[in-house]
Amino acid sequence: MEGQLATLLAELGIELTPEQLGLAFIHRSYAYENGGLATNERLEFLGDAVLGVVVTEHLYLTHPDLSEGQLARLRAAVVNARALAGVARNLGLGSQLKLGKGEEATGGRDKTSILADTTEAVIGAIHLGAGADAAARFVRRLFDPLTDRAATLGAGLDWKTSLQEQASLAGLTVPHYVVTAEGPDHAKKFEAVVHIGDHVFGPGAGTNKKQAEQQAAQLAFEEVRAMAARITAARTPSSPPEPMAGNGVAPSTNGARPPGNEVAASGDEATA
């Protein structure tokens, strides 16, 4: 155990042996090439459940005004492959992975799907090795800031709807999603890209089509919102036109009065 992960575990008072945590980093490609070792997939399964419970409880307690559907959409904005992979990158988990030669050669240490799975496996390992409270502390430290940030964005409740609104503001076409799936029926992984006119955003990933589309919409949202803001700014004059004098002549910028519009000194005003 090393790097940012070791530092965070020590800070949270979580103690694990190398054996307890080591399994979380064994990818199936490595296990296959080394005689069928155990993989991190069962820990991933457990960690996914732990993560879901902890994040759901946080949302339930901090947002008493949200409906079930809103809570579910907000959770999906945080508990997804992109967010999990971001956590893995921040903790440097990729460098600790044990990968097969094929995955190593194709950049597996930075693949979103592999990193997301590894994050869940680490959560599962902490839950087994140090207990539910320790796993909850770990999840809360990493995911509460993401949850709170998503809650401040209206988009966090439904990225697809928010993206469609921004596309309309930018004068773009309605977003169109293309979804692909791979893997066995019991463990399919979905990826989605979103097409808006000539622009393509994504991919988003998830364990079902809806999650993948929502994540693709989330990835597109900020860029399309920036487009809409630029278009709005271009339509709005940067400053109002200078007020015209009573005779329709703009006032001079150097303090001198325009010819033919002299005004008598104070106390000796001209009369009509």
C-alpha atoms as a PDB file:
ATOM      1  CA  MET A   1       0.000   0.000   0.000  1.00  0.00           C
ATOM      2  CA  GLU A   2       1.414   3.365  -0.980  1.00  0.00           C
ATOM      3  CA  GLY A   3       0.797   6.931  -2.062  1.00  0.00           C
ATOM      4  CA  GLN A   4      -2.346   8.956  -1.538  1.00  0.00           C
ATOM      5  CA  LEU A   5      -4.439   5.933  -0.586  1.00  0.00           C
ATOM      6  CA  ALA A   6      -2.107   5.007   2.280  1.00  0.00           C
ATOM      7  CA  THR A   7      -2.083   8.625   3.469  1.00  0.00           C
ATOM      8  CA  LEU A   8      -5.869   8.845   3.454  1.00  0.00           C
ATOM      9  CA  LEU A   9      -6.338   5.526   5.259  1.00  0.00           C
ATOM     10  CA  ALA A  10      -3.884   6.603   7.958  1.00  0.00           C
ATOM     11  CA  GLU A  11      -5.651   9.947   8.316  1.00  0.00           C
ATOM     12  CA  LEU A  12      -8.994   8.170   8.750  1.00  0.00           C
ATOM     13  CA  GLY A  13      -7.544   5.697  11.244  1.00  0.00           C
ATOM     14  CA  ILE A  14      -8.178   2.711   8.962  1.00  0.00           C
ATOM     15  CA  GLU A  15      -5.705  -0.159   9.287  1.00  0.00           C
ATOM     16  CA  LEU A  16      -5.506  -2.901   6.669  1.00  0.00           C
ATOM     17  CA  THR A  17      -2.923  -5.562   5.960  1.00  0.00           C
ATOM     18  CA  PRO A  18      -1.428  -5.797   2.467  1.00  0.00           C
ATOM     19  CA  GLU A  19      -3.297  -9.076   2.055  1.00  0.00           C
ATOM     20  CA  GLN A  20      -6.655  -7.485   2.913  1.00  0.00           C
ATOM     21  CA  LEU A  21      -6.219  -4.694   0.387  1.00  0.00           C
ATOM     22  CA  GLY A  22      -4.133  -6.476  -2.231  1.00  0.00           C
ATOM     23  CA  LEU A  23      -7.008  -8.373  -3.826  1.00  0.00           C
ATOM     24  CA  ALA A  24      -8.692  -5.077  -4.736  1.00  0.00           C
ATOM     25  CA  PHE A  25      -5.967  -4.439  -7.323  1.00  0.00           C
ATOM     26  CA  ILE A  26      -5.972  -7.783  -9.145  1.00  0.00           C
ATOM     27  CA  HIS A  27      -7.679  -7.296 -12.481  1.00  0.00           C
ATOM     28  CA  ARG A  28      -9.125 -10.333 -14.220  1.00  0.00           C
ATOM     29  CA  SER A  29      -6.617  -9.991 -17.079  1.00  0.00           C
ATOM     30  CA  TYR A  30      -3.737 -10.481 -14.631  1.00  0.00           C
ATOM     31  CA  ALA A  31      -5.501 -13.356 -12.866  1.00  0.00           C
ATOM     32  CA  TYR A  32      -6.096 -15.146 -16.175  1.00  0.00           C
ATOM     33  CA  GLU A  33      -2.447 -14.862 -17.211  1.00  0.00           C
ATOM     34  CA  ASN A  34      -1.244 -16.144 -13.834  1.00  0.00           C
ATOM     35  CA  GLY A  35      -3.107 -19.396 -13.460  1.00  0.00           C
ATOM     36  CA  GLY A  36      -6.606 -18.280 -12.576  1.00  0.00           C
ATOM     37  CA  LEU A  37      -5.978 -16.239  -9.431  1.00  0.00           C
ATOM     38  CA  ALA A  38      -8.835 -14.629  -7.543  1.00  0.00           C
ATOM     39  CA  THR A  39      -9.855 -11.237  -8.993  1.00  0.00           C
ATOM     40  CA  ASN A  40     -11.200  -8.015  -7.535  1.00  0.00           C
ATOM     41  CA  GLU A  41     -14.649  -8.531  -9.077  1.00  0.00           C
ATOM     42  CA  ARG A  42     -16.337  -9.881  -5.930  1.00  0.00           C
ATOM     43  CA  LEU A  43     -14.926  -6.998  -3.893  1.00  0.00           C
ATOM     44  CA  GLU A  44     -16.172  -4.631  -6.586  1.00  0.00           C
ATOM     45  CA  PHE A  45     -19.657  -6.112  -6.204  1.00  0.00           C
ATOM     46  CA  LEU A  46     -19.554  -5.566  -2.448  1.00  0.00           C
ATOM     47  CA  GLY A  47     -18.053  -2.091  -2.700  1.00  0.00           C
ATOM     48  CA  ASP A  48     -20.736  -0.999  -5.149  1.00  0.00           C
ATOM     49  CA  ALA A  49     -23.424  -1.885  -2.587  1.00  0.00           C
ATOM     50  CA  VAL A  50     -21.581  -0.151   0.271  1.00  0.00           C
ATOM     51  CA  LEU A  51     -21.042   2.981  -1.803  1.00  0.00           C
ATOM     52  CA  GLY A  52     -24.700   3.087  -2.781  1.00  0.00           C
ATOM     53  CA  VAL A  53     -25.919   2.804   0.806  1.00  0.00           C
ATOM     54  CA  VAL A  54     -23.566   5.458   2.190  1.00  0.00           C
ATOM     55  CA  VAL A  55     -24.249   7.994  -0.558  1.00  0.00           C
ATOM     56  CA  THR A  56     -28.000   7.314  -0.416  1.00  0.00           C
ATOM     57  CA  GLU A  57     -28.077   7.875   3.349  1.00  0.00           C
ATOM     58  CA  HIS A  58     -26.175  11.161   2.956  1.00  0.00           C
ATOM     59  CA  LEU A  59     -28.627  12.356   0.314  1.00  0.00           C
ATOM     60  CA  TYR A  60     -31.641  11.261   2.347  1.00  0.00           C
ATOM     61  CA  LEU A  61     -30.503  13.134   5.448  1.00  0.00           C
ATOM     62  CA  THR A  62     -29.266  16.316   3.755  1.00  0.00           C
ATOM     63  CA  HIS A  63     -32.109  16.786   1.253  1.00  0.00           C
ATOM     64  CA  PRO A  64     -35.415  16.183   3.059  1.00  0.00           C
ATOM     65  CA  ASP A  65     -37.222  18.265   0.436  1.00  0.00           C
ATOM     66  CA  LEU A  66     -36.337  16.057  -2.546  1.00  0.00           C
ATOM     67  CA  SER A  67     -38.578  13.330  -3.905  1.00  0.00           C
ATOM     68  CA  GLU A  68     -37.497   9.730  -4.396  1.00  0.00           C
ATOM     69  CA  GLY A  69     -36.972  10.312  -8.103  1.00  0.00           C
ATOM     70  CA  GLN A  70     -34.882  13.430  -7.527  1.00  0.00           C
ATOM     71  CA  LEU A  71     -32.741  11.627  -4.955  1.00  0.00           C
ATOM     72  CA  ALA A  72     -32.181   8.762  -7.381  1.00  0.00           C
ATOM     73  CA  ARG A  73     -31.125  11.103 -10.181  1.00  0.00           C
ATOM     74  CA  LEU A  74     -28.805  13.023  -7.887  1.00  0.00           C
ATOM     75  CA  ARG A  75     -27.225   9.771  -6.720  1.00  0.00           C
ATOM     76  CA  ALA A  76     -26.714   8.711 -10.340  1.00  0.00           C
ATOM     77  CA  ALA A  77     -24.912  12.003 -10.992  1.00  0.00           C
ATOM     78  CA  VAL A  78     -22.337  11.016  -8.350  1.00  0.00           C
ATOM     79  CA  VAL A  79     -22.213   7.216  -8.280  1.00  0.00           C
ATOM     80  CA  ASN A  80     -21.098   6.598 -11.836  1.00  0.00           C
ATOM     81  CA  ALA A  81     -18.017   5.367 -13.632  1.00  0.00           C
ATOM     82  CA  ARG A  82     -16.680   8.830 -14.376  1.00  0.00           C
ATOM     83  CA  ALA A  83     -16.845   9.981 -10.751  1.00  0.00           C
ATOM     84  CA  LEU A  84     -15.393   6.707  -9.460  1.00  0.00           C
ATOM     85  CA  ALA A  85     -12.544   6.872 -11.955  1.00  0.00           C
ATOM     86  CA  GLY A  86     -11.843  10.457 -10.901  1.00  0.00           C
ATOM     87  CA  VAL A  87     -11.520   9.318  -7.299  1.00  0.00           C
ATOM     88  CA  ALA A  88      -9.171   6.526  -8.399  1.00  0.00           C
ATOM     89  CA  ARG A  89      -6.972   8.968 -10.307  1.00  0.00           C
ATOM     90  CA  ASN A  90      -6.785  11.338  -7.342  1.00  0.00           C
ATOM     91  CA  LEU A  91      -5.690   8.457  -5.118  1.00  0.00           C
ATOM     92  CA  GLY A  92      -3.228   7.055  -7.660  1.00  0.00           C
ATOM     93  CA  LEU A  93      -4.911   3.649  -7.726  1.00  0.00           C
ATOM     94  CA  GLY A  94      -3.923   2.994 -11.337  1.00  0.00           C
ATOM     95  CA  SER A  95      -0.266   2.655 -10.437  1.00  0.00           C
ATOM     96  CA  GLN A  96      -1.069  -0.147  -7.989  1.00  0.00           C
ATOM     97  CA  LEU A  97      -3.123  -2.271 -10.391  1.00  0.00           C
ATOM     98  CA  LYS A  98      -1.997  -5.719 -11.466  1.00  0.00           C
ATOM     99  CA  LEU A  99      -2.917  -6.039 -15.120  1.00  0.00           C
ATOM    100  CA  GLY A 100      -2.413  -8.572 -17.854  1.00  0.00           C
ATOM    101  CA  LYS A 101      -0.032  -7.748 -20.701  1.00  0.00           C
ATOM    102  CA  GLY A 102      -2.860  -6.859 -23.068  1.00  0.00           C
ATOM    103  CA  GLU A 103      -4.497  -4.370 -20.709  1.00  0.00           C
ATOM    104  CA  GLU A 104      -1.102  -2.933 -19.816  1.00  0.00           C
ATOM    105  CA  ALA A 105      -0.297  -2.360 -23.466  1.00  0.00           C
ATOM    106  CA  THR A 106      -3.612  -0.644 -24.194  1.00  0.00           C
ATOM    107  CA  GLY A 107      -3.483   1.846 -21.316  1.00  0.00           C
ATOM    108  CA  GLY A 108      -5.542  -0.112 -18.828  1.00  0.00           C
ATOM    109  CA  ARG A 109      -4.123   1.803 -15.873  1.00  0.00           C
ATOM    110  CA  ASP A 110      -6.068   4.867 -16.946  1.00  0.00           C
ATOM    111  CA  LYS A 111      -9.203   3.260 -18.376  1.00  0.00           C
ATOM    112  CA  THR A 112     -12.309   4.727 -16.797  1.00  0.00           C
ATOM    113  CA  SER A 113     -14.073   1.378 -16.427  1.00  0.00           C
ATOM    114  CA  ILE A 114     -11.092  -0.364 -14.786  1.00  0.00           C
ATOM    115  CA  LEU A 115     -10.414   2.535 -12.425  1.00  0.00           C
ATOM    116  CA  ALA A 116     -14.079   2.778 -11.434  1.00  0.00           C
ATOM    117  CA  ASP A 117     -14.187  -0.940 -10.669  1.00  0.00           C
ATOM    118  CA  THR A 118     -10.989  -0.660  -8.627  1.00  0.00           C
ATOM    119  CA  THR A 119     -12.419   2.143  -6.500  1.00  0.00           C
ATOM    120  CA  GLU A 120     -15.413  -0.029  -5.661  1.00  0.00           C
ATOM    121  CA  ALA A 121     -13.134  -2.975  -4.911  1.00  0.00           C
ATOM    122  CA  VAL A 122     -11.099  -0.865  -2.480  1.00  0.00           C
ATOM    123  CA  ILE A 123     -14.311   0.171  -0.713  1.00  0.00           C
ATOM    124  CA  GLY A 124     -15.283  -3.495  -0.495  1.00  0.00           C
ATOM    125  CA  ALA A 125     -11.886  -4.435   0.924  1.00  0.00           C
ATOM    126  CA  ILE A 126     -12.123  -1.726   3.573  1.00  0.00           C
ATOM    127  CA  HIS A 127     -15.620  -2.895   4.516  1.00  0.00           C
ATOM    128  CA  LEU A 128     -14.408  -6.474   5.005  1.00  0.00           C
ATOM    129  CA  GLY A 129     -11.066  -5.675   6.606  1.00  0.00           C
ATOM    130  CA  ALA A 130     -11.900  -2.723   8.848  1.00  0.00           C
ATOM    131  CA  GLY A 131     -15.670  -2.779   9.173  1.00  0.00           C
ATOM    132  CA  ALA A 132     -18.742  -0.899   7.995  1.00  0.00           C
ATOM    133  CA  ASP A 133     -17.967   2.287   9.943  1.00  0.00           C
ATOM    134  CA  ALA A 134     -14.503   2.536   8.437  1.00  0.00           C
ATOM    135  CA  ALA A 135     -15.850   1.995   4.914  1.00  0.00           C
ATOM    136  CA  ALA A 136     -18.501   4.658   5.522  1.00  0.00           C
ATOM    137  CA  ARG A 137     -15.841   7.166   6.690  1.00  0.00           C
ATOM    138  CA  PHE A 138     -13.805   6.451   3.592  1.00  0.00           C
ATOM    139  CA  VAL A 139     -16.770   6.914   1.251  1.00  0.00           C
ATOM    140  CA  ARG A 140     -17.984  10.060   3.007  1.00  0.00           C
ATOM    141  CA  ARG A 141     -14.556  11.696   2.808  1.00  0.00           C
ATOM    142  CA  LEU A 142     -14.311  11.068  -0.933  1.00  0.00           C
ATOM    143  CA  PHE A 143     -17.887  11.391  -2.118  1.00  0.00           C
ATOM    144  CA  ASP A 144     -19.612  13.941   0.119  1.00  0.00           C
ATOM    145  CA  PRO A 145     -17.915  16.858  -1.704  1.00  0.00           C
ATOM    146  CA  LEU A 146     -19.008  15.411  -5.062  1.00  0.00           C
ATOM    147  CA  THR A 147     -22.560  14.925  -3.801  1.00  0.00           C
ATOM    148  CA  ASP A 148     -22.774  18.424  -2.365  1.00  0.00           C
ATOM    149  CA  ARG A 149     -21.425  19.964  -5.558  1.00  0.00           C
ATOM    150  CA  ALA A 150     -23.877  18.058  -7.742  1.00  0.00           C
ATOM    151  CA  ALA A 151     -26.736  19.205  -5.508  1.00  0.00           C
ATOM    152  CA  THR A 152     -25.903  22.851  -6.247  1.00  0.00           C
ATOM    153  CA  LEU A 153     -26.397  22.219  -9.962  1.00  0.00           C
ATOM    154  CA  GLY A 154     -29.924  21.950 -11.203  1.00  0.00           C
ATOM    155  CA  ALA A 155     -28.387  19.700 -13.819  1.00  0.00           C
ATOM    156  CA  GLY A 156     -27.404  17.247 -11.113  1.00  0.00           C
ATOM    157  CA  LEU A 157     -31.010  16.099 -10.904  1.00  0.00           C
ATOM    158  CA  ASP A 158     -31.430  15.339 -14.595  1.00  0.00           C
ATOM    159  CA  TRP A 159     -28.487  15.927 -16.907  1.00  0.00           C
ATOM    160  CA  LYS A 160     -30.372  14.972 -20.073  1.00  0.00           C
ATOM    161  CA  THR A 161     -33.124  17.522 -19.514  1.00  0.00           C
ATOM    162  CA  SER A 162     -30.637  20.227 -18.564  1.00  0.00           C
ATOM    163  CA  LEU A 163     -28.483  19.476 -21.606  1.00  0.00           C
ATOM    164  CA  GLN A 164     -31.483  19.760 -23.902  1.00  0.00           C
ATOM    165  CA  GLU A 165     -32.304  23.162 -22.391  1.00  0.00           C
ATOM    166  CA  GLN A 166     -28.742  24.406 -22.915  1.00  0.00           C
ATOM    167  CA  ALA A 167     -28.659  23.090 -26.477  1.00  0.00           C
ATOM    168  CA  SER A 168     -31.832  25.032 -27.201  1.00  0.00           C
ATOM    169  CA  LEU A 169     -30.331  28.219 -25.737  1.00  0.00           C
ATOM    170  CA  ALA A 170     -27.278  27.743 -27.953  1.00  0.00           C
ATOM    171  CA  GLY A 171     -29.462  27.254 -31.023  1.00  0.00           C
ATOM    172  CA  LEU A 172     -28.284  23.670 -31.455  1.00  0.00           C
ATOM    173  CA  THR A 173     -30.241  20.601 -32.476  1.00  0.00           C
ATOM    174  CA  VAL A 174     -31.871  18.230 -29.995  1.00  0.00           C
ATOM    175  CA  PRO A 175     -29.277  15.869 -28.404  1.00  0.00           C
ATOM    176  CA  HIS A 176     -29.185  12.360 -29.867  1.00  0.00           C
ATOM    177  CA  TYR A 177     -27.683   9.443 -27.909  1.00  0.00           C
ATOM    178  CA  VAL A 178     -25.871   6.393 -29.288  1.00  0.00           C
ATOM    179  CA  VAL A 179     -25.398   3.555 -26.796  1.00  0.00           C
ATOM    180  CA  THR A 180     -23.215   0.451 -27.081  1.00  0.00           C
ATOM    181  CA  ALA A 181     -22.888  -2.502 -24.694  1.00  0.00           C
ATOM    182  CA  GLU A 182     -20.285  -5.159 -24.049  1.00  0.00           C
ATOM    183  CA  GLY A 183     -19.793  -8.068 -21.687  1.00  0.00           C
ATOM    184  CA  PRO A 184     -21.947 -11.021 -20.636  1.00  0.00           C
ATOM    185  CA  ASP A 185     -25.649 -10.543 -19.978  1.00  0.00           C
ATOM    186  CA  HIS A 186     -25.214 -10.663 -16.200  1.00  0.00           C
ATOM    187  CA  ALA A 187     -22.480  -7.998 -16.182  1.00  0.00           C
ATOM    188  CA  LYS A 188     -22.961  -5.744 -19.189  1.00  0.00           C
ATOM    189  CA  LYS A 189     -21.145  -2.429 -19.392  1.00  0.00           C
ATOM    190  CA  PHE A 190     -22.800   0.362 -21.355  1.00  0.00           C
ATOM    191  CA  GLU A 191     -21.210   3.364 -23.064  1.00  0.00           C
ATOM    192  CA  ALA A 192     -23.048   6.324 -24.580  1.00  0.00           C
ATOM    193  CA  VAL A 193     -22.055   9.312 -26.681  1.00  0.00           C
ATOM    194  CA  VAL A 194     -24.292  12.278 -27.377  1.00  0.00           C
ATOM    195  CA  HIS A 195     -24.498  13.968 -30.772  1.00  0.00           C
ATOM    196  CA  ILE A 196     -25.598  17.611 -30.945  1.00  0.00           C
ATOM    197  CA  GLY A 197     -25.349  18.858 -34.495  1.00  0.00           C
ATOM    198  CA  ASP A 198     -21.744  18.346 -35.563  1.00  0.00           C
ATOM    199  CA  HIS A 199     -20.540  17.985 -31.969  1.00  0.00           C
ATOM    200  CA  VAL A 200     -19.967  14.641 -30.227  1.00  0.00           C
ATOM    201  CA  PHE A 201     -19.514  14.369 -26.447  1.00  0.00           C
ATOM    202  CA  GLY A 202     -18.654  11.450 -24.178  1.00  0.00           C
ATOM    203  CA  PRO A 203     -18.425   8.627 -23.720  1.00  0.00           C
ATOM    204  CA  GLY A 204     -20.475   8.155 -20.603  1.00  0.00           C
ATOM    205  CA  ALA A 205     -20.405   4.762 -18.894  1.00  0.00           C
ATOM    206  CA  GLY A 206     -22.725   2.835 -16.630  1.00  0.00           C
ATOM    207  CA  THR A 207     -24.235  -0.499 -15.725  1.00  0.00           C
ATOM    208  CA  ASN A 208     -27.344   0.313 -17.749  1.00  0.00           C
ATOM    209  CA  LYS A 209     -28.335   2.429 -20.734  1.00  0.00           C
ATOM    210  CA  LYS A 210     -29.884   5.191 -18.624  1.00  0.00           C
ATOM    211  CA  GLN A 211     -26.778   5.677 -16.498  1.00  0.00           C
ATOM    212  CA  ALA A 212     -24.546   5.823 -19.560  1.00  0.00           C
ATOM    213  CA  GLU A 213     -26.769   8.413 -21.260  1.00  0.00           C
ATOM    214  CA  GLN A 214     -26.963  10.551 -18.119  1.00  0.00           C
ATOM    215  CA  GLN A 215     -23.203  10.548 -17.789  1.00  0.00           C
ATOM    216  CA  ALA A 216     -22.716  11.458 -21.451  1.00  0.00           C
ATOM    217  CA  ALA A 217     -25.160  14.335 -20.941  1.00  0.00           C
ATOM    218  CA  GLN A 218     -23.220  15.439 -17.863  1.00  0.00           C
ATOM    219  CA  LEU A 219     -19.967  15.471 -19.844  1.00  0.00           C
ATOM    220  CA  ALA A 220     -21.593  17.561 -22.585  1.00  0.00           C
ATOM    221  CA  PHE A 221     -23.438  19.957 -20.271  1.00  0.00           C
ATOM    222  CA  GLU A 222     -20.620  22.342 -19.322  1.00  0.00           C
ATOM    223  CA  GLU A 223     -19.333  22.688 -22.884  1.00  0.00           C
ATOM    224  CA  VAL A 224     -22.791  23.339 -24.312  1.00  0.00           C
ATOM    225  CA  ARG A 225     -23.561  25.790 -21.507  1.00  0.00           C
ATOM    226  CA  ALA A 226     -20.367  27.666 -22.389  1.00  0.00           C
ATOM    227  CA  MET A 227     -21.494  27.779 -26.033  1.00  0.00           C
ATOM    228  CA  ALA A 228     -24.872  29.164 -24.984  1.00  0.00           C
ATOM    229  CA  ALA A 229     -23.195  31.803 -22.796  1.00  0.00           C
ATOM    230  CA  ARG A 230     -20.944  32.944 -25.657  1.00  0.00           C
ATOM    231  CA  ILE A 231     -23.910  33.227 -28.007  1.00  0.00           C
ATOM    232  CA  THR A 232     -25.917  35.179 -25.453  1.00  0.00           C
ATOM    233  CA  ALA A 233     -22.984  37.527 -24.845  1.00  0.00           C
ATOM    234  CA  ALA A 234     -22.570  38.103 -28.587  1.00  0.00           C
ATOM    235  CA  ARG A 235     -26.211  39.117 -28.866  1.00  0.00           C
ATOM    236  CA  THR A 236     -25.955  41.605 -25.978  1.00  0.00           C
ATOM    237  CA  PRO A 237     -24.222  44.976 -26.615  1.00  0.00           C
ATOM    238  CA  SER A 238     -21.148  45.342 -24.421  1.00  0.00           C
ATOM    239  CA  SER A 239     -22.177  48.896 -23.406  1.00  0.00           C
ATOM    240  CA  PRO A 240     -25.208  51.097 -24.048  1.00  0.00           C
ATOM    241  CA  PRO A 241     -24.943  53.787 -26.751  1.00  0.00           C
ATOM    242  CA  GLU A 242     -23.966  57.265 -25.569  1.00  0.00           C
ATOM    243  CA  PRO A 243     -26.937  59.468 -24.702  1.00  0.00           C
ATOM    244  CA  MET A 244     -27.648  62.124 -27.306  1.00  0.00           C
ATOM    245  CA  ALA A 245     -27.823  65.811 -26.472  1.00  0.00           C
ATOM    246  CA  GLY A 246     -31.167  67.567 -26.829  1.00  0.00           C
ATOM    247  CA  ASN A 247     -30.370  68.557 -30.415  1.00  0.00           C
ATOM    248  CA  GLY A 248     -29.440  65.030 -31.430  1.00  0.00           C
ATOM    249  CA  VAL A 249     -25.668  65.571 -31.266  1.00  0.00           C
ATOM    250  CA  ALA A 250     -23.595  63.276 -29.073  1.00  0.00           C
ATOM    251  CA  PRO A 251     -21.738  65.081 -26.291  1.00  0.00           C
ATOM    252  CA  SER A 252     -18.029  65.604 -26.906  1.00  0.00           C
ATOM    253  CA  THR A 253     -15.642  63.316 -25.042  1.00  0.00           C
ATOM    254  CA  ASN A 254     -13.086  66.073 -24.362  1.00  0.00           C
ATOM    255  CA  GLY A 255     -15.354  68.395 -22.402  1.00  0.00           C
ATOM    256  CA  ALA A 256     -15.790  70.968 -25.228  1.00  0.00           C
ATOM    257  CA  ARG A 257     -19.299  71.824 -26.341  1.00  0.00           C
ATOM    258  CA  PRO A 258     -20.160  71.149 -29.979  1.00  0.00           C
ATOM    259  CA  PRO A 259     -20.284  74.246 -32.163  1.00  0.00           C
ATOM    260  CA  GLY A 260     -23.647  75.953 -32.468  1.00  0.00           C
ATOM    261  CA  ASN A 261     -24.785  74.724 -29.074  1.00  0.00           C
ATOM    262  CA  GLU A 262     -23.099  77.260 -26.797  1.00  0.00           C
ATOM    263  CA  VAL A 263     -24.734  77.898 -23.434  1.00  0.00           C
ATOM    264  CA  ALA A 264     -24.470  81.229 -21.623  1.00  0.00           C
ATOM    265  CA  ALA A 265     -22.560  81.359 -18.359  1.00  0.00           C
ATOM    266  CA  SER A 266     -24.420  80.717 -15.151  1.00  0.00           C
ATOM    267  CA  GLY A 267     -26.635  83.642 -14.181  1.00  0.00           C
ATOM    268  CA  ASP A 268     -26.888  84.814 -17.799  1.00  0.00           C
ATOM    269  CA  GLU A 269     -28.800  81.996 -19.504  1.00  0.00           C
ATOM    270  CA  ALA A 270     -29.853  82.433 -23.113  1.00  0.00           C
ATOM    271  CA  THR A 271     -33.535  82.946 -23.741  1.00  0.00           C
ATOM    272  CA  ALA A 272     -35.570  81.376 -26.462  1.00  0.00           C
END
